[in-house]
Amino acid sequence: EPPVIYEPVARIINLNEEEPIGSYLTTVQARDIDSGLNGRVTYRIDPPLPSLFTINVTSGRLTTAATIIDREAGIASYNVTVFARDGGSPQLEDSITITIDIQDIND
């Protein structure tokens, strides 16, 4: 059986510009009813945005990997798709798209 994502409930996250690296965004959690390695869930993000966001492969904790400098100078929001993949063969997965809205704080 594929893993099923059940968290986060909120799919839109507000992030202030200039938040420091490592700022917590959310934790994605999934369940897999399979046993053993087949039931082990790992997480990845797509598109891979290593310069902006990172996800802990085992915990699903999504954080910033860079300081979002200025909303006016760049993009106002990002869509990050998180995949939860099981350890089966073939590997099965579920996904969730999270929108990260960058909030202007210095106007």
N, C-alpha and C. Protein backbone atom coordinates (compact mmCIF):
# COMPACT_ATOMS: atom_id res chain seq x y z
N GLU A 1 0.83 -1.19 0.00
CA GLU A 1 0.00 0.00 0.00
C GLU A 1 0.88 1.25 0.00
N PRO A 2 0.44 2.33 -0.67
CA PRO A 2 1.23 3.57 -0.65
C PRO A 2 1.07 4.29 0.68
N PRO A 3 2.04 5.13 1.02
CA PRO A 3 1.87 5.96 2.21
C PRO A 3 0.77 6.98 1.96
N VAL A 4 0.15 7.45 3.03
CA VAL A 4 -0.91 8.47 2.94
C VAL A 4 -0.50 9.65 3.80
N ILE A 5 -0.41 10.82 3.18
CA ILE A 5 -0.06 12.04 3.91
C ILE A 5 -1.29 12.51 4.67
N TYR A 6 -1.13 12.77 5.97
CA TYR A 6 -2.24 13.26 6.78
C TYR A 6 -1.93 14.59 7.44
N GLU A 7 -0.73 15.05 7.42
CA GLU A 7 -0.33 16.36 7.93
C GLU A 7 0.58 17.00 6.89
N PRO A 8 0.57 18.28 6.70
CA PRO A 8 -0.11 19.30 7.47
C PRO A 8 -1.54 19.51 6.99
N VAL A 9 -2.37 20.01 7.87
CA VAL A 9 -3.73 20.34 7.51
C VAL A 9 -3.73 21.61 6.67
N ALA A 10 -2.95 22.63 7.09
CA ALA A 10 -2.85 23.88 6.35
C ALA A 10 -1.90 23.70 5.18
N ARG A 11 -2.35 24.05 3.99
CA ARG A 11 -1.51 23.91 2.81
C ARG A 11 -0.95 25.24 2.34
N ILE A 12 -1.26 26.31 3.07
CA ILE A 12 -0.71 27.62 2.77
C ILE A 12 0.02 28.11 4.02
N ILE A 13 1.27 28.49 3.84
CA ILE A 13 2.10 28.93 4.95
C ILE A 13 2.56 30.35 4.66
N ASN A 14 2.42 31.24 5.63
CA ASN A 14 2.95 32.59 5.50
C ASN A 14 4.34 32.64 6.09
N LEU A 15 5.28 33.20 5.33
CA LEU A 15 6.67 33.31 5.76
C LEU A 15 7.11 34.75 5.58
N ASN A 16 7.55 35.39 6.65
CA ASN A 16 8.05 36.75 6.55
C ASN A 16 9.36 36.78 5.78
N GLU A 17 9.50 37.80 4.91
CA GLU A 17 10.79 37.98 4.25
C GLU A 17 11.84 38.20 5.33
N GLU A 18 13.07 37.86 5.01
CA GLU A 18 14.21 38.01 5.91
C GLU A 18 14.20 37.08 7.12
N GLU A 19 13.37 36.03 7.10
CA GLU A 19 13.45 35.02 8.16
C GLU A 19 14.79 34.31 8.05
N PRO A 20 15.39 33.94 9.16
CA PRO A 20 16.72 33.33 9.11
C PRO A 20 16.69 31.90 8.55
N ILE A 21 17.84 31.47 8.13
CA ILE A 21 18.02 30.09 7.66
C ILE A 21 17.63 29.13 8.78
N GLY A 22 16.92 28.09 8.42
CA GLY A 22 16.49 27.09 9.40
C GLY A 22 15.14 27.38 10.02
N SER A 23 14.47 28.43 9.55
CA SER A 23 13.14 28.75 10.10
C SER A 23 12.17 27.62 9.78
N TYR A 24 11.43 27.22 10.79
CA TYR A 24 10.48 26.11 10.67
C TYR A 24 9.26 26.55 9.86
N LEU A 25 8.84 25.72 8.92
CA LEU A 25 7.64 25.99 8.13
C LEU A 25 6.50 25.06 8.52
N THR A 26 6.74 23.77 8.44
CA THR A 26 5.72 22.77 8.79
C THR A 26 6.39 21.40 8.83
N THR A 27 5.65 20.42 9.30
CA THR A 27 6.10 19.04 9.23
C THR A 27 5.07 18.24 8.46
N VAL A 28 5.55 17.56 7.44
CA VAL A 28 4.69 16.67 6.65
C VAL A 28 4.80 15.29 7.28
N GLN A 29 3.65 14.66 7.51
CA GLN A 29 3.64 13.33 8.09
C GLN A 29 2.78 12.41 7.25
N ALA A 30 3.24 11.19 7.11
CA ALA A 30 2.50 10.19 6.34
C ALA A 30 2.51 8.87 7.10
N ARG A 31 1.48 8.08 6.85
CA ARG A 31 1.39 6.72 7.42
C ARG A 31 1.45 5.72 6.29
N ASP A 32 2.07 4.60 6.58
CA ASP A 32 2.07 3.49 5.65
C ASP A 32 1.73 2.24 6.45
N ILE A 33 0.71 1.52 6.02
CA ILE A 33 0.25 0.37 6.79
C ILE A 33 1.10 -0.88 6.57
N ASP A 34 2.01 -0.83 5.59
CA ASP A 34 2.88 -1.97 5.36
C ASP A 34 3.84 -2.14 6.54
N SER A 35 4.37 -3.34 6.70
CA SER A 35 5.30 -3.60 7.79
C SER A 35 6.73 -3.62 7.27
N GLY A 36 7.67 -3.51 8.20
CA GLY A 36 9.09 -3.61 7.85
C GLY A 36 9.54 -2.46 6.97
N LEU A 37 10.51 -2.75 6.11
CA LEU A 37 11.04 -1.73 5.20
C LEU A 37 9.98 -1.18 4.26
N ASN A 38 9.03 -2.01 3.88
CA ASN A 38 7.97 -1.53 2.98
C ASN A 38 7.17 -0.40 3.60
N GLY A 39 7.09 -0.35 4.92
CA GLY A 39 6.33 0.68 5.60
C GLY A 39 7.15 1.89 6.03
N ARG A 40 8.44 1.87 5.77
CA ARG A 40 9.29 3.01 6.14
C ARG A 40 9.07 4.15 5.14
N VAL A 41 8.75 5.33 5.66
CA VAL A 41 8.44 6.48 4.82
C VAL A 41 9.60 7.46 4.83
N THR A 42 9.98 7.93 3.64
CA THR A 42 10.96 9.01 3.51
C THR A 42 10.31 10.14 2.72
N TYR A 43 10.91 11.34 2.84
CA TYR A 43 10.32 12.54 2.26
C TYR A 43 11.33 13.23 1.35
N ARG A 44 10.79 13.87 0.31
CA ARG A 44 11.61 14.69 -0.58
C ARG A 44 10.75 15.82 -1.11
N ILE A 45 11.39 16.88 -1.59
CA ILE A 45 10.63 17.99 -2.17
C ILE A 45 10.91 18.07 -3.66
N ASP A 46 9.92 18.60 -4.38
CA ASP A 46 10.03 18.78 -5.82
C ASP A 46 9.29 20.04 -6.19
N PRO A 47 9.77 20.95 -6.98
CA PRO A 47 11.11 20.81 -7.55
C PRO A 47 12.14 20.93 -6.45
N PRO A 48 13.30 20.32 -6.67
CA PRO A 48 14.33 20.44 -5.63
C PRO A 48 14.77 21.90 -5.54
N LEU A 49 14.48 22.52 -4.42
CA LEU A 49 14.84 23.92 -4.20
C LEU A 49 15.87 24.02 -3.08
N PRO A 50 17.04 23.40 -3.27
CA PRO A 50 18.00 23.36 -2.17
C PRO A 50 18.48 24.74 -1.74
N SER A 51 18.35 25.71 -2.62
CA SER A 51 18.82 27.04 -2.25
C SER A 51 17.81 27.78 -1.37
N LEU A 52 16.55 27.33 -1.31
CA LEU A 52 15.53 28.04 -0.55
C LEU A 52 14.92 27.23 0.58
N PHE A 53 14.57 25.98 0.32
CA PHE A 53 13.87 25.15 1.29
C PHE A 53 14.53 23.78 1.37
N THR A 54 14.39 23.15 2.52
CA THR A 54 14.93 21.81 2.69
C THR A 54 13.95 20.99 3.52
N ILE A 55 13.97 19.69 3.32
CA ILE A 55 13.12 18.81 4.12
C ILE A 55 13.99 17.71 4.72
N ASN A 56 13.72 17.40 5.97
CA ASN A 56 14.41 16.29 6.61
C ASN A 56 13.84 15.00 6.03
N VAL A 57 14.70 14.18 5.49
CA VAL A 57 14.28 12.98 4.76
C VAL A 57 13.48 12.01 5.64
N THR A 58 13.80 11.94 6.92
CA THR A 58 13.11 10.98 7.78
C THR A 58 11.99 11.57 8.62
N SER A 59 12.10 12.85 9.00
CA SER A 59 11.06 13.44 9.86
C SER A 59 10.00 14.21 9.10
N GLY A 60 10.29 14.65 7.88
CA GLY A 60 9.34 15.44 7.11
C GLY A 60 9.30 16.91 7.52
N ARG A 61 10.27 17.35 8.32
CA ARG A 61 10.32 18.74 8.79
C ARG A 61 10.82 19.63 7.66
N LEU A 62 9.98 20.60 7.27
CA LEU A 62 10.29 21.53 6.18
C LEU A 62 10.77 22.85 6.78
N THR A 63 11.96 23.31 6.36
CA THR A 63 12.54 24.54 6.88
C THR A 63 13.12 25.36 5.73
N THR A 64 13.50 26.60 6.06
CA THR A 64 14.18 27.43 5.07
C THR A 64 15.65 27.03 5.00
N ALA A 65 16.20 27.07 3.80
CA ALA A 65 17.61 26.78 3.61
C ALA A 65 18.38 28.04 3.22
N ALA A 66 17.64 29.15 3.12
CA ALA A 66 18.25 30.44 2.79
C ALA A 66 17.34 31.53 3.36
N THR A 67 17.88 32.72 3.46
CA THR A 67 17.08 33.86 3.88
C THR A 67 16.35 34.40 2.65
N ILE A 68 15.03 34.49 2.73
CA ILE A 68 14.25 35.09 1.65
C ILE A 68 14.42 36.60 1.81
N ILE A 69 15.15 37.21 0.89
CA ILE A 69 15.61 38.59 1.09
C ILE A 69 14.49 39.62 1.02
N ASP A 70 13.85 39.78 -0.12
CA ASP A 70 12.91 40.87 -0.28
C ASP A 70 11.78 40.45 -1.21
N ARG A 71 10.57 40.51 -0.72
CA ARG A 71 9.41 40.09 -1.51
C ARG A 71 9.29 40.89 -2.79
N GLU A 72 9.53 42.22 -2.72
CA GLU A 72 9.38 43.07 -3.91
C GLU A 72 10.42 42.76 -4.98
N ALA A 73 11.57 42.26 -4.57
CA ALA A 73 12.64 42.00 -5.52
C ALA A 73 12.53 40.62 -6.17
N GLY A 74 11.64 39.81 -5.67
CA GLY A 74 11.59 38.45 -6.20
C GLY A 74 10.18 37.92 -6.32
N ILE A 75 10.04 36.68 -5.98
CA ILE A 75 8.79 35.95 -6.12
C ILE A 75 7.96 36.09 -4.85
N ALA A 76 6.66 36.28 -5.00
CA ALA A 76 5.78 36.48 -3.84
C ALA A 76 5.35 35.17 -3.19
N SER A 77 5.44 34.06 -3.91
CA SER A 77 5.07 32.77 -3.32
C SER A 77 5.79 31.64 -4.05
N TYR A 78 5.89 30.53 -3.35
CA TYR A 78 6.53 29.33 -3.90
C TYR A 78 5.59 28.16 -3.69
N ASN A 79 5.49 27.29 -4.67
CA ASN A 79 4.77 26.03 -4.53
C ASN A 79 5.80 24.93 -4.38
N VAL A 80 5.72 24.24 -3.26
CA VAL A 80 6.66 23.16 -2.98
C VAL A 80 5.85 21.87 -2.87
N THR A 81 6.18 20.90 -3.69
CA THR A 81 5.51 19.61 -3.62
C THR A 81 6.38 18.67 -2.80
N VAL A 82 5.76 18.11 -1.76
CA VAL A 82 6.45 17.16 -0.89
C VAL A 82 5.94 15.77 -1.22
N PHE A 83 6.86 14.84 -1.40
CA PHE A 83 6.51 13.46 -1.67
C PHE A 83 6.87 12.61 -0.46
N ALA A 84 5.97 11.72 -0.09
CA ALA A 84 6.22 10.71 0.94
C ALA A 84 6.31 9.38 0.20
N ARG A 85 7.45 8.72 0.30
CA ARG A 85 7.70 7.48 -0.45
C ARG A 85 7.95 6.34 0.52
N ASP A 86 7.39 5.18 0.21
CA ASP A 86 7.63 4.02 1.06
C ASP A 86 8.87 3.26 0.61
N GLY A 87 9.22 2.24 1.36
CA GLY A 87 10.42 1.46 1.06
C GLY A 87 10.17 0.21 0.26
N GLY A 88 8.98 0.08 -0.29
CA GLY A 88 8.62 -1.13 -1.04
C GLY A 88 9.29 -1.20 -2.40
N SER A 89 9.02 -2.28 -3.09
CA SER A 89 9.51 -2.46 -4.44
C SER A 89 8.37 -2.99 -5.29
N PRO A 90 7.79 -2.15 -6.15
CA PRO A 90 8.21 -0.78 -6.45
C PRO A 90 7.82 0.18 -5.32
N GLN A 91 8.55 1.28 -5.26
CA GLN A 91 8.24 2.29 -4.26
C GLN A 91 6.96 3.01 -4.65
N LEU A 92 6.10 3.24 -3.65
CA LEU A 92 4.85 3.96 -3.87
C LEU A 92 4.92 5.26 -3.10
N GLU A 93 4.18 6.27 -3.57
CA GLU A 93 4.26 7.55 -2.89
C GLU A 93 2.94 8.31 -2.96
N ASP A 94 2.84 9.28 -2.06
CA ASP A 94 1.76 10.24 -2.01
C ASP A 94 2.41 11.61 -2.06
N SER A 95 1.65 12.63 -2.40
CA SER A 95 2.24 13.97 -2.45
C SER A 95 1.26 15.01 -1.96
N ILE A 96 1.81 16.15 -1.58
CA ILE A 96 1.03 17.30 -1.16
C ILE A 96 1.77 18.54 -1.67
N THR A 97 1.03 19.51 -2.17
CA THR A 97 1.64 20.77 -2.59
C THR A 97 1.34 21.82 -1.52
N ILE A 98 2.40 22.46 -1.08
CA ILE A 98 2.32 23.49 -0.05
C ILE A 98 2.71 24.81 -0.69
N THR A 99 1.87 25.82 -0.51
CA THR A 99 2.17 27.16 -1.00
C THR A 99 2.78 27.97 0.14
N ILE A 100 3.93 28.55 -0.13
CA ILE A 100 4.61 29.39 0.85
C ILE A 100 4.52 30.82 0.35
N ASP A 101 3.70 31.62 1.03
CA ASP A 101 3.50 33.02 0.67
C ASP A 101 4.50 33.87 1.44
N ILE A 102 5.27 34.66 0.71
CA ILE A 102 6.26 35.53 1.34
C ILE A 102 5.57 36.84 1.73
N GLN A 103 5.68 37.18 3.03
CA GLN A 103 5.03 38.36 3.59
C GLN A 103 6.03 39.52 3.64
N ASP A 104 5.60 40.67 3.15
CA ASP A 104 6.42 41.87 3.18
C ASP A 104 6.39 42.46 4.58
N ILE A 105 7.56 42.68 5.19
CA ILE A 105 7.57 43.20 6.56
C ILE A 105 8.20 44.58 6.69
N ASN A 106 8.83 45.10 5.64
CA ASN A 106 9.55 46.36 5.80
C ASN A 106 8.96 47.51 5.01
N ASP A 107 7.68 47.49 4.74
CA ASP A 107 7.04 48.63 4.07
C ASP A 107 6.35 49.51 5.05
